[in-house]
C-alpha atoms as a PDB file:
ATOM      1  CA  MET A   1     111.325  72.382 118.113  1.00  0.00           C
ATOM      2  CA  LEU A   2     109.808  75.613 116.871  1.00  0.00           C
ATOM      3  CA  LYS A   3     109.265  74.212 113.382  1.00  0.00           C
ATOM      4  CA  VAL A   4     107.603  70.949 114.462  1.00  0.00           C
ATOM      5  CA  PRO A   5     104.008  72.213 113.991  1.00  0.00           C
ATOM      6  CA  PHE A   6     104.968  73.591 110.567  1.00  0.00           C
ATOM      7  CA  TYR A   7     106.387  70.257 109.426  1.00  0.00           C
ATOM      8  CA  LEU A   8     103.414  68.382 110.880  1.00  0.00           C
ATOM      9  CA  ALA A   9     101.099  70.637 108.862  1.00  0.00           C
ATOM     10  CA  GLU A  10     103.052  69.938 105.677  1.00  0.00           C
ATOM     11  CA  LEU A  11     103.048  66.195 106.278  1.00  0.00           C
ATOM     12  CA  THR A  12      99.364  66.188 107.191  1.00  0.00           C
ATOM     13  CA  GLU A  13      98.511  67.788 103.833  1.00  0.00           C
ATOM     14  CA  LYS A  14     100.122  64.830 102.058  1.00  0.00           C
ATOM     15  CA  ILE A  15      97.796  62.288 103.640  1.00  0.00           C
ATOM     16  CA  ALA A  16      95.583  60.700 101.013  1.00  0.00           C
ATOM     17  CA  GLN A  17      92.085  60.188 102.412  1.00  0.00           C
ATOM     18  CA  ASP A  18      88.555  60.605 101.161  1.00  0.00           C
ATOM     19  CA  ASP A  19      87.767  63.273 103.772  1.00  0.00           C
ATOM     20  CA  ARG A  20      90.082  65.956 102.392  1.00  0.00           C
ATOM     21  CA  ILE A  21      88.336  68.762 104.292  1.00  0.00           C
ATOM     22  CA  GLN A  22      89.235  67.176 107.630  1.00  0.00           C
ATOM     23  CA  ILE A  23      92.885  66.848 106.558  1.00  0.00           C
ATOM     24  CA  ILE A  24      93.006  70.529 105.569  1.00  0.00           C
ATOM     25  CA  LYS A  25      91.433  71.569 108.899  1.00  0.00           C
ATOM     26  CA  ILE A  26      94.059  69.627 110.856  1.00  0.00           C
ATOM     27  CA  SER A  27      96.848  71.097 108.745  1.00  0.00           C
ATOM     28  CA  LEU A  28      95.475  74.612 109.209  1.00  0.00           C
ATOM     29  CA  ALA A  29      95.355  74.108 112.985  1.00  0.00           C
ATOM     30  CA  LYS A  30      99.032  73.099 112.988  1.00  0.00           C
ATOM     31  CA  LEU A  31      99.970  76.129 110.876  1.00  0.00           C
ATOM     32  CA  LYS A  32      98.100  78.413 113.292  1.00  0.00           C
ATOM     33  CA  GLU A  33     100.006  76.788 116.159  1.00  0.00           C
ATOM     34  CA  PHE A  34     103.283  77.516 114.352  1.00  0.00           C
ATOM     35  CA  ILE A  35     102.288  81.157 113.820  1.00  0.00           C
ATOM     36  CA  SER A  36     101.332  81.442 117.493  1.00  0.00           C
ATOM     37  CA  PHE A  37     104.785  80.194 118.509  1.00  0.00           C
ATOM     38  CA  CYS A  38     106.437  82.725 116.216  1.00  0.00           C
ATOM     39  CA  GLU A  39     104.248  85.517 117.603  1.00  0.00           C
ATOM     40  CA  ALA A  40     104.969  84.493 121.194  1.00  0.00           C
ATOM     41  CA  MET A  41     108.705  84.623 120.508  1.00  0.00           C
ATOM     42  CA  GLU A  42     108.227  87.953 118.698  1.00  0.00           C
ATOM     43  CA  LEU A  43     109.706  86.586 115.474  1.00  0.00           C
ATOM     44  CA  VAL A  44     106.946  87.828 113.176  1.00  0.00           C
ATOM     45  CA  PRO A  45     107.270  91.405 111.840  1.00  0.00           C
ATOM     46  CA  GLU A  46     104.420  93.785 112.671  1.00  0.00           C
ATOM     47  CA  GLU A  47     103.338  94.145 109.037  1.00  0.00           C
ATOM     48  CA  GLU A  48     102.952  90.373 108.732  1.00  0.00           C
ATOM     49  CA  LEU A  49     100.846  90.287 111.887  1.00  0.00           C
ATOM     50  CA  GLU A  50      98.618  93.045 110.525  1.00  0.00           C
ATOM     51  CA  THR A  51      98.128  91.177 107.247  1.00  0.00           C
ATOM     52  CA  TYR A  52      97.353  87.959 109.107  1.00  0.00           C
ATOM     53  CA  THR A  53      94.827  89.544 111.483  1.00  0.00           C
ATOM     54  CA  GLN A  54      93.114  91.601 108.758  1.00  0.00           C
ATOM     55  CA  GLY A  55      92.604  88.580 106.564  1.00  0.00           C
ATOM     56  CA  GLY A  56      95.054  89.582 103.868  1.00  0.00           C
ATOM     57  CA  PRO A  57      95.808  92.526 101.619  1.00  0.00           C
ATOM     58  CA  ASN A  58      93.071  94.179  99.601  1.00  0.00           C
ATOM     59  CA  SER A  59      94.647  94.909  96.233  1.00  0.00           C
ATOM     60  CA  PHE A  60      96.952  93.125  93.849  1.00  0.00           C
ATOM     61  CA  ALA A  61      99.547  95.893  94.286  1.00  0.00           C
ATOM     62  CA  ASP A  62      99.482  95.412  98.074  1.00  0.00           C
ATOM     63  CA  GLN A  63      99.867  91.666  97.683  1.00  0.00           C
ATOM     64  CA  ARG A  64     102.804  92.107  95.325  1.00  0.00           C
ATOM     65  CA  ALA A  65     104.541  94.664  97.553  1.00  0.00           C
ATOM     66  CA  LYS A  66     104.176  92.429 100.591  1.00  0.00           C
ATOM     67  CA  LYS A  67     105.371  89.390  98.655  1.00  0.00           C
ATOM     68  CA  ILE A  68     108.461  91.319  97.534  1.00  0.00           C
ATOM     69  CA  ALA A  69     109.124  92.490 101.101  1.00  0.00           C
ATOM     70  CA  ARG A  70     108.739  88.931 102.378  1.00  0.00           C
ATOM     71  CA  PHE A  71     111.108  87.666  99.679  1.00  0.00           C
ATOM     72  CA  LYS A  72     113.704  90.284 100.653  1.00  0.00           C
ATOM     73  CA  ARG A  73     113.410  89.306 104.323  1.00  0.00           C
ATOM     74  CA  GLN A  74     113.783  85.658 103.364  1.00  0.00           C
ATOM     75  CA  ARG A  75     116.922  86.416 101.321  1.00  0.00           C
ATOM     76  CA  ALA A  76     118.345  88.453 104.213  1.00  0.00           C
ATOM     77  CA  ALA A  77     117.570  85.587 106.609  1.00  0.00           C
ATOM     78  CA  GLU A  78     119.276  83.068 104.309  1.00  0.00           C
ATOM     79  CA  SER A  79     122.291  85.355 104.080  1.00  0.00           C
ATOM     80  CA  LYS A  80     122.365  85.761 107.857  1.00  0.00           C
ATOM     81  CA  LEU A  81     122.183  81.983 108.386  1.00  0.00           C
ATOM     82  CA  LEU A  82     125.030  81.463 105.923  1.00  0.00           C
ATOM     83  CA  GLU A  83     127.097  84.101 107.743  1.00  0.00           C
ATOM     84  CA  ILE A  84     126.406  82.398 111.095  1.00  0.00           C
ATOM     85  CA  LYS A  85     127.356  79.009 109.660  1.00  0.00           C
ATOM     86  CA  GLU A  86     130.615  80.381 108.270  1.00  0.00           C
ATOM     87  CA  ARG A  87     131.371  82.090 111.586  1.00  0.00           C
ATOM     88  CA  LYS A  88     130.805  78.798 113.437  1.00  0.00           C
ATOM     89  CA  GLU A  89     133.062  76.936 110.995  1.00  0.00           C
ATOM     90  CA  ARG A  90     135.831  79.528 111.402  1.00  0.00           C
ATOM     91  CA  ARG A  91     135.457  79.394 115.159  1.00  0.00           C
ATOM     92  CA  GLY A  92     135.605  75.600 115.055  1.00  0.00           C
ATOM     93  CA  ARG A  93     138.758  75.623 112.955  1.00  0.00           C
ATOM     94  CA  SER A  94     140.426  78.198 115.186  1.00  0.00           C
ATOM     95  CA  THR A  95     139.452  76.232 118.287  1.00  0.00           C
ATOM     96  CA  LYS A  96     140.987  73.067 116.871  1.00  0.00           C
ATOM     97  CA  ALA A  97     144.106  74.965 115.885  1.00  0.00           C
ATOM     98  CA  SER A  98     144.590  76.520 119.305  1.00  0.00           C
ATOM     99  CA  ALA A  99     146.013  74.598 122.200  1.00  0.00           C
ATOM    100  CA  LEU A 100     143.500  72.611 124.242  1.00  0.00           C
ATOM    101  CA  SER A 101     144.768  74.187 127.430  1.00  0.00           C
ATOM    102  CA  THR A 102     143.941  77.735 126.298  1.00  0.00           C
ATOM    103  CA  PRO A 103     141.019  79.055 128.401  1.00  0.00           C
ATOM    104  CA  VAL A 104     137.911  80.435 126.701  1.00  0.00           C
ATOM    105  CA  GLU A 105     137.967  84.218 126.661  1.00  0.00           C
ATOM    106  CA  ALA A 106     135.209  86.188 128.350  1.00  0.00           C
ATOM    107  CA  GLY A 107     133.212  87.244 125.284  1.00  0.00           C
ATOM    108  CA  GLU A 108     133.359  84.019 123.244  1.00  0.00           C
ATOM    109  CA  GLU A 109     130.604  82.179 125.123  1.00  0.00           C
ATOM    110  CA  ASP A 110     128.260  85.121 124.616  1.00  0.00           C
ATOM    111  CA  GLU A 111     128.982  85.058 120.872  1.00  0.00           C
ATOM    112  CA  LEU A 112     127.870  81.425 120.725  1.00  0.00           C
ATOM    113  CA  ASP A 113     124.595  82.306 122.481  1.00  0.00           C
ATOM    114  CA  ASP A 114     124.059  85.249 120.120  1.00  0.00           C
ATOM    115  CA  ASP A 115     124.576  82.979 117.111  1.00  0.00           C
ATOM    116  CA  GLY A 116     121.870  80.624 118.340  1.00  0.00           C
ATOM    117  CA  GLU A 117     119.420  83.460 118.875  1.00  0.00           C
ATOM    118  CA  GLU A 118     120.218  85.015 115.496  1.00  0.00           C
ATOM    119  CA  GLU A 119     119.831  81.624 113.844  1.00  0.00           C
ATOM    120  CA  ARG A 120     116.382  81.093 115.387  1.00  0.00           C
ATOM    121  CA  GLU A 121     115.221  84.547 114.340  1.00  0.00           C
ATOM    122  CA  ALA A 122     116.496  84.163 110.794  1.00  0.00           C
ATOM    123  CA  SER A 123     115.123  80.645 110.319  1.00  0.00           C
ATOM    124  CA  CYS A 124     111.588  81.744 111.165  1.00  0.00           C
ATOM    125  CA  TYR A 125     111.502  83.809 107.943  1.00  0.00           C
ATOM    126  CA  LEU A 126     112.545  80.892 105.774  1.00  0.00           C
ATOM    127  CA  TYR A 127     109.266  78.983 105.929  1.00  0.00           C
END
């Protein structure tokens, strides 16, 4: 649900109309809505917020450094999502292998909740 405004913005940009400026304005509004959601959930790093509010970096070196940092965060997020996916698959296999009558241990439900939260945090950096 978090990514809906982002996808709407991307789809809006693909609309072929004569009034291209209006299409871009609508898309921009959706992207701002997406950023607001990420900010409200505290998923955006402070340095990204500063760049966004200041209107962007001043020099080419700053732009490059921030792009590299963003790329590293994106790679880390992709790695984290892959780790979560593998953990879920292992947990699913072990659950199927165990007897159906075995009760869920105290900490396992919390791990599932943590995975969901980690997944949301990591996926925000992917787009």
